[in-house]
Amino acid sequence: MRPWGRKAAQETGARIAMGCCFSQSASPGTSSGAEAVGLPEIGIPASAKGKDVVVDNANLSISGSGSALASAPIEQDRAYWEVKVVDPGSQGRIRVGVSRRLKEEDLHQEIDEASQGDKRRVWSFQQGDLKAGDVVGVTFGQSDLPNLSFLVNGEPQPAFDVKKIGGLVYPIFSVGQGATLRVVFDPEHFEQ
């Protein structure tokens, strides 16, 4: 697996500009082009979250019960973002990953991969023993295998690797039982 996050950017000398899930990389001393293309701001619109999900777009925190999709799909070869556990809630009901665009009624509940039937639309990570302060790193690469990988506090979680995901997907977040997350898309604020 290739390195991701702030450490990877420092090790490779790359400068990463990221707005939402669209990113571009450039070598030091060259323009990344981010300023020229007017990258969109990431957020979670009211139309892309469950009715009992509370989102503070000022700091991208998510709480309540249900699921929420980021406002923009992943439109590049590689992406990385982090989710910081603010409060794991009473049962650690936190799930993060990627998803196809879901219907609004699907977002009213916590995502559950086991109930998706034949047409899988969500690929995610859930670990019941996450604690406040833990950081889940999410890596997604169209040309890398596995396509989707997770890290907890910098440690790879290979049991959750997903090898083949094709097509347009969005970052997805699911909370329940009092859990609260803070999503980080800006490389300058990555902890891993």
C-alpha atoms as a PDB file:
ATOM      1  CA  MET A   1       0.000   0.000   0.000  1.00  0.00           C
ATOM      2  CA  ARG A   2       1.269   3.464  -0.836  1.00  0.00           C
ATOM      3  CA  PRO A   3       1.661   6.047   1.946  1.00  0.00           C
ATOM      4  CA  TRP A   4      -1.086   8.656   2.326  1.00  0.00           C
ATOM      5  CA  GLY A   5      -1.733  11.853   4.229  1.00  0.00           C
ATOM      6  CA  ARG A   6       0.559  14.622   5.442  1.00  0.00           C
ATOM      7  CA  LYS A   7       3.502  12.283   6.043  1.00  0.00           C
ATOM      8  CA  ALA A   8       3.319  10.919   2.485  1.00  0.00           C
ATOM      9  CA  ALA A   9       3.241  14.418   1.021  1.00  0.00           C
ATOM     10  CA  GLN A  10       6.302  15.377   3.057  1.00  0.00           C
ATOM     11  CA  GLU A  11       8.167  12.188   2.126  1.00  0.00           C
ATOM     12  CA  THR A  12       7.473  12.495  -1.609  1.00  0.00           C
ATOM     13  CA  GLY A  13       7.895  16.267  -1.783  1.00  0.00           C
ATOM     14  CA  ALA A  14       4.448  16.590  -3.323  1.00  0.00           C
ATOM     15  CA  ARG A  15       2.199  19.511  -2.622  1.00  0.00           C
ATOM     16  CA  ILE A  16      -1.410  18.478  -2.345  1.00  0.00           C
ATOM     17  CA  ALA A  17      -4.287  20.875  -2.835  1.00  0.00           C
ATOM     18  CA  MET A  18      -7.610  19.451  -1.804  1.00  0.00           C
ATOM     19  CA  GLY A  19     -11.054  20.942  -1.831  1.00  0.00           C
ATOM     20  CA  CYS A  20     -13.800  18.469  -1.121  1.00  0.00           C
ATOM     21  CA  CYS A  21     -12.718  15.230  -2.701  1.00  0.00           C
ATOM     22  CA  PHE A  22     -11.133  16.664  -5.821  1.00  0.00           C
ATOM     23  CA  SER A  23      -7.374  16.901  -5.563  1.00  0.00           C
ATOM     24  CA  GLN A  24      -4.360  17.555  -7.680  1.00  0.00           C
ATOM     25  CA  SER A  25      -0.695  16.980  -6.913  1.00  0.00           C
ATOM     26  CA  ALA A  26       2.323  18.823  -8.208  1.00  0.00           C
ATOM     27  CA  SER A  27       6.038  18.772  -7.579  1.00  0.00           C
ATOM     28  CA  PRO A  28       7.522  21.499  -5.366  1.00  0.00           C
ATOM     29  CA  GLY A  29       8.014  24.748  -7.227  1.00  0.00           C
ATOM     30  CA  THR A  30       5.173  24.137  -9.664  1.00  0.00           C
ATOM     31  CA  SER A  31       1.590  25.225  -9.478  1.00  0.00           C
ATOM     32  CA  SER A  32      -0.911  22.586  -8.487  1.00  0.00           C
ATOM     33  CA  GLY A  33      -3.564  24.332 -10.543  1.00  0.00           C
ATOM     34  CA  ALA A  34      -5.920  24.390  -7.570  1.00  0.00           C
ATOM     35  CA  GLU A  35      -6.214  28.148  -7.558  1.00  0.00           C
ATOM     36  CA  ALA A  36      -7.059  28.213 -11.253  1.00  0.00           C
ATOM     37  CA  VAL A  37      -9.844  25.649 -11.191  1.00  0.00           C
ATOM     38  CA  GLY A  38     -11.738  27.104  -8.205  1.00  0.00           C
ATOM     39  CA  LEU A  39     -12.065  23.972  -6.098  1.00  0.00           C
ATOM     40  CA  PRO A  40     -15.453  23.493  -4.470  1.00  0.00           C
ATOM     41  CA  GLU A  41     -15.884  23.636  -0.710  1.00  0.00           C
ATOM     42  CA  ILE A  42     -16.732  20.371   0.928  1.00  0.00           C
ATOM     43  CA  GLY A  43     -19.797  20.087   3.051  1.00  0.00           C
ATOM     44  CA  ILE A  44     -22.784  17.928   3.758  1.00  0.00           C
ATOM     45  CA  PRO A  45     -25.936  19.415   2.284  1.00  0.00           C
ATOM     46  CA  ALA A  46     -29.307  18.934   3.969  1.00  0.00           C
ATOM     47  CA  SER A  47     -30.443  16.886   0.973  1.00  0.00           C
ATOM     48  CA  ALA A  48     -27.624  14.358   1.527  1.00  0.00           C
ATOM     49  CA  LYS A  49     -28.164  13.460   5.176  1.00  0.00           C
ATOM     50  CA  GLY A  50     -30.669  11.591   7.259  1.00  0.00           C
ATOM     51  CA  LYS A  51     -33.372  13.539   9.070  1.00  0.00           C
ATOM     52  CA  ASP A  52     -31.833  12.763  12.497  1.00  0.00           C
ATOM     53  CA  VAL A  53     -28.251  13.558  11.468  1.00  0.00           C
ATOM     54  CA  VAL A  54     -26.886  16.844  12.805  1.00  0.00           C
ATOM     55  CA  VAL A  55     -24.157  18.460  10.709  1.00  0.00           C
ATOM     56  CA  ASP A  56     -22.089  21.499  11.607  1.00  0.00           C
ATOM     57  CA  ASN A  57     -20.548  22.448   8.246  1.00  0.00           C
ATOM     58  CA  ALA A  58     -18.347  25.082   9.909  1.00  0.00           C
ATOM     59  CA  ASN A  59     -16.142  22.323  11.383  1.00  0.00           C
ATOM     60  CA  LEU A  60     -17.583  19.309   9.516  1.00  0.00           C
ATOM     61  CA  SER A  61     -18.847  17.540  12.616  1.00  0.00           C
ATOM     62  CA  ILE A  62     -21.539  14.887  12.354  1.00  0.00           C
ATOM     63  CA  SER A  63     -23.725  13.540  15.148  1.00  0.00           C
ATOM     64  CA  GLY A  64     -27.206  12.172  15.707  1.00  0.00           C
ATOM     65  CA  SER A  65     -28.444   8.992  14.082  1.00  0.00           C
ATOM     66  CA  GLY A  66     -28.256   8.045  10.425  1.00  0.00           C
ATOM     67  CA  SER A  67     -25.947   8.634   7.484  1.00  0.00           C
ATOM     68  CA  ALA A  68     -24.600  11.531   5.428  1.00  0.00           C
ATOM     69  CA  LEU A  69     -22.828  11.882   2.074  1.00  0.00           C
ATOM     70  CA  ALA A  70     -20.192  14.479   1.242  1.00  0.00           C
ATOM     71  CA  SER A  71     -21.339  17.156  -1.196  1.00  0.00           C
ATOM     72  CA  ALA A  72     -19.032  16.063  -4.008  1.00  0.00           C
ATOM     73  CA  PRO A  73     -17.928  12.726  -5.439  1.00  0.00           C
ATOM     74  CA  ILE A  74     -14.362  11.505  -5.575  1.00  0.00           C
ATOM     75  CA  GLU A  75     -13.304  12.612  -9.046  1.00  0.00           C
ATOM     76  CA  GLN A  76      -9.602  11.835  -9.144  1.00  0.00           C
ATOM     77  CA  ASP A  77      -7.315   8.846  -9.114  1.00  0.00           C
ATOM     78  CA  ARG A  78      -6.444   9.056  -5.402  1.00  0.00           C
ATOM     79  CA  ALA A  79      -7.995  10.613  -2.338  1.00  0.00           C
ATOM     80  CA  TYR A  80      -7.356  10.609   1.388  1.00  0.00           C
ATOM     81  CA  TRP A  81      -9.383  12.066   4.234  1.00  0.00           C
ATOM     82  CA  GLU A  82      -9.593  11.563   7.976  1.00  0.00           C
ATOM     83  CA  VAL A  83     -12.373  11.150  10.476  1.00  0.00           C
ATOM     84  CA  LYS A  84     -11.671  12.060  14.087  1.00  0.00           C
ATOM     85  CA  VAL A  85     -13.807  10.403  16.741  1.00  0.00           C
ATOM     86  CA  VAL A  86     -15.076  13.173  19.018  1.00  0.00           C
ATOM     87  CA  ASP A  87     -17.391  10.863  20.985  1.00  0.00           C
ATOM     88  CA  PRO A  88     -17.812   7.158  20.162  1.00  0.00           C
ATOM     89  CA  GLY A  89     -21.261   7.100  21.747  1.00  0.00           C
ATOM     90  CA  SER A  90     -22.563   4.300  23.914  1.00  0.00           C
ATOM     91  CA  GLN A  91     -21.943   1.487  21.423  1.00  0.00           C
ATOM     92  CA  GLY A  92     -19.294   2.855  19.050  1.00  0.00           C
ATOM     93  CA  ARG A  93     -21.782   3.126  16.189  1.00  0.00           C
ATOM     94  CA  ILE A  94     -19.493   4.812  13.676  1.00  0.00           C
ATOM     95  CA  ARG A  95     -19.026   3.780  10.050  1.00  0.00           C
ATOM     96  CA  VAL A  96     -17.016   5.591   7.349  1.00  0.00           C
ATOM     97  CA  GLY A  97     -16.239   4.764   3.735  1.00  0.00           C
ATOM     98  CA  VAL A  98     -17.544   5.398   0.237  1.00  0.00           C
ATOM     99  CA  SER A  99     -20.947   5.011  -1.337  1.00  0.00           C
ATOM    100  CA  ARG A 100     -22.882   5.424  -4.516  1.00  0.00           C
ATOM    101  CA  ARG A 101     -25.456   8.211  -4.354  1.00  0.00           C
ATOM    102  CA  LEU A 102     -28.149   6.969  -1.968  1.00  0.00           C
ATOM    103  CA  LYS A 103     -31.841   7.800  -1.793  1.00  0.00           C
ATOM    104  CA  GLU A 104     -32.832  10.160   0.987  1.00  0.00           C
ATOM    105  CA  GLU A 105     -34.755   7.443   2.838  1.00  0.00           C
ATOM    106  CA  ASP A 106     -31.595   5.280   2.899  1.00  0.00           C
ATOM    107  CA  LEU A 107     -29.757   8.072   4.725  1.00  0.00           C
ATOM    108  CA  HIS A 108     -32.278   8.130   7.579  1.00  0.00           C
ATOM    109  CA  GLN A 109     -30.705   4.965   8.950  1.00  0.00           C
ATOM    110  CA  GLU A 110     -27.197   3.900   9.799  1.00  0.00           C
ATOM    111  CA  ILE A 111     -25.536   2.219   6.829  1.00  0.00           C
ATOM    112  CA  ASP A 112     -25.319  -1.538   7.009  1.00  0.00           C
ATOM    113  CA  GLU A 113     -23.444  -3.436   4.328  1.00  0.00           C
ATOM    114  CA  ALA A 114     -25.074  -6.745   5.262  1.00  0.00           C
ATOM    115  CA  SER A 115     -28.541  -5.563   4.195  1.00  0.00           C
ATOM    116  CA  GLN A 116     -27.645  -4.311   0.714  1.00  0.00           C
ATOM    117  CA  GLY A 117     -28.591  -7.399  -1.279  1.00  0.00           C
ATOM    118  CA  ASP A 118     -27.020  -8.079  -4.673  1.00  0.00           C
ATOM    119  CA  LYS A 119     -26.365  -4.464  -5.689  1.00  0.00           C
ATOM    120  CA  ARG A 120     -23.728  -3.267  -3.260  1.00  0.00           C
ATOM    121  CA  ARG A 121     -23.679   0.519  -2.936  1.00  0.00           C
ATOM    122  CA  VAL A 122     -21.686   1.111   0.277  1.00  0.00           C
ATOM    123  CA  TRP A 123     -18.178   0.026   1.242  1.00  0.00           C
ATOM    124  CA  SER A 124     -17.137   0.994   4.758  1.00  0.00           C
ATOM    125  CA  PHE A 125     -15.211   0.452   7.974  1.00  0.00           C
ATOM    126  CA  GLN A 126     -16.735  -0.065  11.409  1.00  0.00           C
ATOM    127  CA  GLN A 127     -14.880  -0.974  14.549  1.00  0.00           C
ATOM    128  CA  GLY A 128     -16.764  -1.023  17.824  1.00  0.00           C
ATOM    129  CA  ASP A 129     -13.824  -0.193  20.076  1.00  0.00           C
ATOM    130  CA  LEU A 130     -12.984   3.278  18.715  1.00  0.00           C
ATOM    131  CA  LYS A 131     -12.316   5.843  21.447  1.00  0.00           C
ATOM    132  CA  ALA A 132     -12.558   9.629  21.626  1.00  0.00           C
ATOM    133  CA  GLY A 133      -9.499  11.052  19.883  1.00  0.00           C
ATOM    134  CA  ASP A 134      -8.992   8.087  17.524  1.00  0.00           C
ATOM    135  CA  VAL A 135      -8.402   9.016  13.887  1.00  0.00           C
ATOM    136  CA  VAL A 136      -9.639   6.875  11.015  1.00  0.00           C
ATOM    137  CA  GLY A 137      -7.781   7.535   7.757  1.00  0.00           C
ATOM    138  CA  VAL A 138      -9.615   6.646   4.551  1.00  0.00           C
ATOM    139  CA  THR A 139      -7.666   6.033   1.346  1.00  0.00           C
ATOM    140  CA  PHE A 140      -9.321   5.594  -2.031  1.00  0.00           C
ATOM    141  CA  GLY A 141      -7.523   5.012  -5.297  1.00  0.00           C
ATOM    142  CA  GLN A 142      -9.090   4.200  -8.675  1.00  0.00           C
ATOM    143  CA  SER A 143      -5.882   2.638  -9.994  1.00  0.00           C
ATOM    144  CA  ASP A 144      -4.522   1.158  -6.742  1.00  0.00           C
ATOM    145  CA  LEU A 145      -5.375  -2.213  -5.257  1.00  0.00           C
ATOM    146  CA  PRO A 146      -6.918  -2.332  -2.845  1.00  0.00           C
ATOM    147  CA  ASN A 147      -9.135   0.554  -3.988  1.00  0.00           C
ATOM    148  CA  LEU A 148     -10.304   1.365  -0.468  1.00  0.00           C
ATOM    149  CA  SER A 149      -8.216   1.051   2.709  1.00  0.00           C
ATOM    150  CA  PHE A 150      -8.505   2.274   6.266  1.00  0.00           C
ATOM    151  CA  LEU A 151      -6.060   3.199   9.018  1.00  0.00           C
ATOM    152  CA  VAL A 152      -6.793   3.691  12.708  1.00  0.00           C
ATOM    153  CA  ASN A 153      -4.301   5.993  14.400  1.00  0.00           C
ATOM    154  CA  GLY A 154      -1.899   5.318  11.534  1.00  0.00           C
ATOM    155  CA  GLU A 155      -2.187   1.510  11.702  1.00  0.00           C
ATOM    156  CA  PRO A 156      -3.497  -0.220   8.543  1.00  0.00           C
ATOM    157  CA  GLN A 157      -6.706  -2.250   8.906  1.00  0.00           C
ATOM    158  CA  PRO A 158      -6.272  -4.821   6.102  1.00  0.00           C
ATOM    159  CA  ALA A 159      -9.355  -6.836   7.113  1.00  0.00           C
ATOM    160  CA  PHE A 160     -11.460  -3.944   5.755  1.00  0.00           C
ATOM    161  CA  ASP A 161      -9.619  -3.480   2.428  1.00  0.00           C
ATOM    162  CA  VAL A 162     -11.841  -3.452  -0.660  1.00  0.00           C
ATOM    163  CA  LYS A 163     -10.219  -4.506  -3.918  1.00  0.00           C
ATOM    164  CA  LYS A 164     -12.627  -3.456  -6.669  1.00  0.00           C
ATOM    165  CA  ILE A 165     -14.887  -0.430  -6.634  1.00  0.00           C
ATOM    166  CA  GLY A 166     -15.634   1.128  -9.986  1.00  0.00           C
ATOM    167  CA  GLY A 167     -17.609   4.202 -10.892  1.00  0.00           C
ATOM    168  CA  LEU A 168     -18.604   7.355  -9.080  1.00  0.00           C
ATOM    169  CA  VAL A 169     -18.584   7.245  -5.267  1.00  0.00           C
ATOM    170  CA  TYR A 170     -18.948   9.765  -2.434  1.00  0.00           C
ATOM    171  CA  PRO A 171     -17.443   9.772   1.058  1.00  0.00           C
ATOM    172  CA  ILE A 172     -20.086   8.510   3.491  1.00  0.00           C
ATOM    173  CA  PHE A 173     -20.368   8.800   7.265  1.00  0.00           C
ATOM    174  CA  SER A 174     -22.772   7.020   9.587  1.00  0.00           C
ATOM    175  CA  VAL A 175     -23.377   7.613  13.292  1.00  0.00           C
ATOM    176  CA  GLY A 176     -25.682   6.316  15.995  1.00  0.00           C
ATOM    177  CA  GLN A 177     -26.120   5.917  19.751  1.00  0.00           C
ATOM    178  CA  GLY A 178     -24.602   9.329  20.587  1.00  0.00           C
ATOM    179  CA  ALA A 179     -21.524   9.122  18.345  1.00  0.00           C
ATOM    180  CA  THR A 180     -19.938  12.325  17.015  1.00  0.00           C
ATOM    181  CA  LEU A 181     -17.331  12.608  14.239  1.00  0.00           C
ATOM    182  CA  ARG A 182     -15.270  15.412  12.764  1.00  0.00           C
ATOM    183  CA  VAL A 183     -14.322  15.009   9.097  1.00  0.00           C
ATOM    184  CA  VAL A 184     -11.037  16.453   7.784  1.00  0.00           C
ATOM    185  CA  PHE A 185     -10.430  16.911   4.050  1.00  0.00           C
ATOM    186  CA  ASP A 186      -7.696  19.569   4.341  1.00  0.00           C
ATOM    187  CA  PRO A 187      -4.170  18.038   4.281  1.00  0.00           C
ATOM    188  CA  GLU A 188      -2.881  20.803   6.550  1.00  0.00           C
ATOM    189  CA  HIS A 189      -5.107  19.431   9.331  1.00  0.00           C
ATOM    190  CA  PHE A 190      -4.386  15.720   8.890  1.00  0.00           C
ATOM    191  CA  GLU A 191      -3.108  13.963  11.989  1.00  0.00           C
ATOM    192  CA  GLN A 192      -1.754  10.807  10.302  1.00  0.00           C
END
